[in-house]
Every structure is written in C-alpha cells, then in structure tokens.
C-alpha cells in the first residue's frame, strides 16, 4: 500500500487516507487512537484504551521510512507504519467489534471523562 495523502476531517472526527491505485478510506480518530501501535509484549496483552470517543487528531508528521507520527489532543503520539495502517484498514470491522465487546465486558466506556478538581 502506498499512501498518497491524508486529510484530517475535524467536523467528522475522521482521517481520510488516499491510497495510490485504490479508493480512499476513512478511519475515525477514536479508532486510530484506540488501536495505537504499541510495543508487542507476548507476556502481556495490550491495555484496553477507554474514554476516547471525543479524541482529536491534531497533526501527522512524516517520519520517512518509519511511517507517520499521529499526534492526538490527549497528549498521545505514536508512529504508525504504512503496513500497520493497511492492517487497521483491512481488519477495521473485526477489530472494532472486538473492542466494543471488550469495553462492555470490562464495564468501561467510550465516552470522555470529565475531570473535576476541587479548588
């Protein structure tokens, strides 16, 4: 897969990915944040990422042969390789349904948390 360009669509909370010789694909910011690449550790499953329904993708930086750094408004950033982005596109429906099931089982939510600080 060869990525031609990204379009950050803040009104739809999604990223449009234009691929050479293929149709454009749209992935939500929440999906990209929830399935952020992590260091694979065979002894531990990846932690469940919750409360990211309103997360925003602020910027994308080209990191050359390594891929693209996605910078989110929750102070998280990660490098997404072209291969990993292709995998996220290919496995979207399966991954998303599995995530929703895990959320329900864990009792957590997609909704953003509101931090209350007493002064």
C-alpha atoms as a PDB file:
ATOM      1  CA  UNK A   1       0.000   0.000   0.000  1.00  0.00           C
ATOM      2  CA  UNK A   2       1.296   3.426  -0.934  1.00  0.00           C
ATOM      3  CA  UNK A   3      -0.308   6.413   0.778  1.00  0.00           C
ATOM      4  CA  UNK A   4      -0.822   9.445  -1.452  1.00  0.00           C
ATOM      5  CA  UNK A   5      -2.149  11.857   1.208  1.00  0.00           C
ATOM      6  CA  UNK A   6      -4.042  12.234   4.467  1.00  0.00           C
ATOM      7  CA  UNK A   7      -6.968  14.579   5.027  1.00  0.00           C
ATOM      8  CA  UNK A   8      -7.825  15.362   8.650  1.00  0.00           C
ATOM      9  CA  UNK A   9     -11.572  15.973   8.801  1.00  0.00           C
ATOM     10  CA  UNK A  10     -12.283  17.609  12.181  1.00  0.00           C
ATOM     11  CA  UNK A  11     -16.008  18.030  11.539  1.00  0.00           C
ATOM     12  CA  UNK A  12     -16.439  14.269  11.008  1.00  0.00           C
ATOM     13  CA  UNK A  13     -13.715  13.340  13.561  1.00  0.00           C
ATOM     14  CA  UNK A  14     -12.039  11.173  10.959  1.00  0.00           C
ATOM     15  CA  UNK A  15      -8.973  10.732   8.808  1.00  0.00           C
ATOM     16  CA  UNK A  16      -9.332  10.221   5.079  1.00  0.00           C
ATOM     17  CA  UNK A  17      -6.496   8.135   3.663  1.00  0.00           C
ATOM     18  CA  UNK A  18      -5.907   8.439  -0.076  1.00  0.00           C
ATOM     19  CA  UNK A  19      -4.030   5.430  -1.409  1.00  0.00           C
ATOM     20  CA  UNK A  20      -2.325   5.130  -4.797  1.00  0.00           C
ATOM     21  CA  UNK A  21      -4.364   2.929  -7.185  1.00  0.00           C
ATOM     22  CA  UNK A  22      -7.181   2.414  -4.669  1.00  0.00           C
ATOM     23  CA  UNK A  23     -10.185   4.243  -3.316  1.00  0.00           C
ATOM     24  CA  UNK A  24      -9.918   6.495  -0.270  1.00  0.00           C
ATOM     25  CA  UNK A  25     -10.586   5.026   3.161  1.00  0.00           C
ATOM     26  CA  UNK A  26     -11.906   6.833   6.228  1.00  0.00           C
ATOM     27  CA  UNK A  27     -10.986   5.874   9.794  1.00  0.00           C
ATOM     28  CA  UNK A  28     -12.263   7.685  12.880  1.00  0.00           C
ATOM     29  CA  UNK A  29      -9.879   9.424  15.247  1.00  0.00           C
ATOM     30  CA  UNK A  30     -11.206   7.223  18.055  1.00  0.00           C
ATOM     31  CA  UNK A  31     -10.405   4.024  16.138  1.00  0.00           C
ATOM     32  CA  UNK A  32      -6.879   5.232  15.349  1.00  0.00           C
ATOM     33  CA  UNK A  33      -6.278   6.224  18.988  1.00  0.00           C
ATOM     34  CA  UNK A  34      -7.715   3.019  20.444  1.00  0.00           C
ATOM     35  CA  UNK A  35      -5.577   0.877  18.145  1.00  0.00           C
ATOM     36  CA  UNK A  36      -2.398   2.887  18.573  1.00  0.00           C
ATOM     37  CA  UNK A  37       0.705   0.838  17.788  1.00  0.00           C
ATOM     38  CA  UNK A  38       2.405  -0.475  20.888  1.00  0.00           C
ATOM     39  CA  UNK A  39       5.494  -2.442  21.657  1.00  0.00           C
ATOM     40  CA  UNK A  40       4.368  -6.026  21.357  1.00  0.00           C
ATOM     41  CA  UNK A  41       4.925  -7.934  24.556  1.00  0.00           C
ATOM     42  CA  UNK A  42       3.957 -11.580  24.247  1.00  0.00           C
ATOM     43  CA  UNK A  43       3.592 -11.949  28.027  1.00  0.00           C
ATOM     44  CA  UNK A  44       1.079  -9.084  28.370  1.00  0.00           C
ATOM     45  CA  UNK A  45      -1.933  -8.183  26.247  1.00  0.00           C
ATOM     46  CA  UNK A  46      -2.223  -4.568  25.115  1.00  0.00           C
ATOM     47  CA  UNK A  47      -4.141  -2.489  27.669  1.00  0.00           C
ATOM     48  CA  UNK A  48      -7.722  -1.549  26.857  1.00  0.00           C
ATOM     49  CA  UNK A  49      -7.848   2.112  25.795  1.00  0.00           C
ATOM     50  CA  UNK A  50     -11.053   3.759  27.002  1.00  0.00           C
ATOM     51  CA  UNK A  51     -12.812   7.147  27.038  1.00  0.00           C
ATOM     52  CA  UNK A  52     -11.554   8.251  23.593  1.00  0.00           C
ATOM     53  CA  UNK A  53     -14.835   8.989  21.803  1.00  0.00           C
ATOM     54  CA  UNK A  54     -14.061  12.716  21.560  1.00  0.00           C
ATOM     55  CA  UNK A  55     -10.310  12.494  20.930  1.00  0.00           C
ATOM     56  CA  UNK A  56      -8.990  14.620  18.074  1.00  0.00           C
ATOM     57  CA  UNK A  57      -6.086  14.052  15.734  1.00  0.00           C
ATOM     58  CA  UNK A  58      -4.121  17.311  15.758  1.00  0.00           C
ATOM     59  CA  UNK A  59      -1.336  16.595  13.290  1.00  0.00           C
ATOM     60  CA  UNK A  60       0.503  13.996  11.226  1.00  0.00           C
ATOM     61  CA  UNK A  61       4.256  14.133  10.724  1.00  0.00           C
ATOM     62  CA  UNK A  62       6.086  12.152   8.048  1.00  0.00           C
ATOM     63  CA  UNK A  63       8.811  10.056   9.701  1.00  0.00           C
ATOM     64  CA  UNK A  64      10.380   8.868   6.443  1.00  0.00           C
ATOM     65  CA  UNK A  65      10.719   5.110   6.067  1.00  0.00           C
ATOM     66  CA  UNK A  66       9.317   4.530   9.572  1.00  0.00           C
ATOM     67  CA  UNK A  67       5.846   5.846   8.780  1.00  0.00           C
ATOM     68  CA  UNK A  68       3.821   8.716  10.196  1.00  0.00           C
ATOM     69  CA  UNK A  69       3.607  10.187  13.685  1.00  0.00           C
ATOM     70  CA  UNK A  70      -0.009  10.797  14.652  1.00  0.00           C
ATOM     71  CA  UNK A  71      -0.375  13.447  17.344  1.00  0.00           C
ATOM     72  CA  UNK A  72      -3.618  13.405  19.334  1.00  0.00           C
ATOM     73  CA  UNK A  73      -5.089  16.080  21.601  1.00  0.00           C
ATOM     74  CA  UNK A  74      -4.861  13.820  24.668  1.00  0.00           C
ATOM     75  CA  UNK A  75      -1.055  14.237  24.645  1.00  0.00           C
ATOM     76  CA  UNK A  76      -0.532  10.857  22.973  1.00  0.00           C
ATOM     77  CA  UNK A  77       1.536  10.373  19.852  1.00  0.00           C
ATOM     78  CA  UNK A  78       2.704   7.235  18.082  1.00  0.00           C
ATOM     79  CA  UNK A  79       4.350   6.203  14.847  1.00  0.00           C
ATOM     80  CA  UNK A  80       2.036   4.307  12.506  1.00  0.00           C
ATOM     81  CA  UNK A  81       3.859   2.389   9.780  1.00  0.00           C
ATOM     82  CA  UNK A  82       2.271   2.115   6.350  1.00  0.00           C
ATOM     83  CA  UNK A  83       1.902  -1.633   6.945  1.00  0.00           C
ATOM     84  CA  UNK A  84       0.104  -1.058  10.257  1.00  0.00           C
ATOM     85  CA  UNK A  85      -2.257   1.480   8.679  1.00  0.00           C
ATOM     86  CA  UNK A  86      -3.059  -1.082   5.958  1.00  0.00           C
ATOM     87  CA  UNK A  87      -3.773  -3.668   8.671  1.00  0.00           C
ATOM     88  CA  UNK A  88      -6.085  -1.245  10.504  1.00  0.00           C
ATOM     89  CA  UNK A  89      -7.993  -0.668   7.275  1.00  0.00           C
ATOM     90  CA  UNK A  90      -8.221  -4.368   6.418  1.00  0.00           C
ATOM     91  CA  UNK A  91      -9.283  -5.507   9.904  1.00  0.00           C
ATOM     92  CA  UNK A  92     -11.461  -2.495  10.791  1.00  0.00           C
ATOM     93  CA  UNK A  93     -14.808  -4.233  11.295  1.00  0.00           C
ATOM     94  CA  UNK A  94     -13.372  -7.197  13.203  1.00  0.00           C
ATOM     95  CA  UNK A  95     -11.164  -5.043  15.448  1.00  0.00           C
ATOM     96  CA  UNK A  96     -13.924  -2.509  16.193  1.00  0.00           C
ATOM     97  CA  UNK A  97     -16.483  -5.161  17.133  1.00  0.00           C
ATOM     98  CA  UNK A  98     -13.944  -6.915  19.372  1.00  0.00           C
ATOM     99  CA  UNK A  99     -13.150  -3.578  21.045  1.00  0.00           C
ATOM    100  CA  UNK A 100     -16.826  -2.828  21.720  1.00  0.00           C
ATOM    101  CA  UNK A 101     -17.274  -6.300  23.231  1.00  0.00           C
ATOM    102  CA  UNK A 102     -14.213  -5.833  25.461  1.00  0.00           C
ATOM    103  CA  UNK A 103     -15.499  -2.432  26.600  1.00  0.00           C
ATOM    104  CA  UNK A 104     -18.868  -3.870  27.537  1.00  0.00           C
ATOM    105  CA  UNK A 105     -17.290  -6.797  29.385  1.00  0.00           C
ATOM    106  CA  UNK A 106     -14.907  -4.531  31.322  1.00  0.00           C
ATOM    107  CA  UNK A 107     -17.589  -2.049  32.321  1.00  0.00           C
ATOM    108  CA  UNK A 108     -15.664   0.851  30.788  1.00  0.00           C
ATOM    109  CA  UNK A 109     -16.959   3.413  28.310  1.00  0.00           C
ATOM    110  CA  UNK A 110     -16.068   5.161  25.064  1.00  0.00           C
ATOM    111  CA  UNK A 111     -17.396   8.429  26.481  1.00  0.00           C
ATOM    112  CA  UNK A 112     -14.918  11.109  27.531  1.00  0.00           C
ATOM    113  CA  UNK A 113     -14.254  11.517  31.215  1.00  0.00           C
ATOM    114  CA  UNK A 114     -14.706  14.858  32.913  1.00  0.00           C
ATOM    115  CA  UNK A 115     -12.008  15.664  35.446  1.00  0.00           C
ATOM    116  CA  UNK A 116     -13.313  17.593  38.446  1.00  0.00           C
ATOM    117  CA  UNK A 117     -10.745  19.453  40.511  1.00  0.00           C
ATOM    118  CA  UNK A 118     -11.578  20.947  43.877  1.00  0.00           C
ATOM    119  CA  UNK A 119     -10.038  24.364  44.427  1.00  0.00           C
END
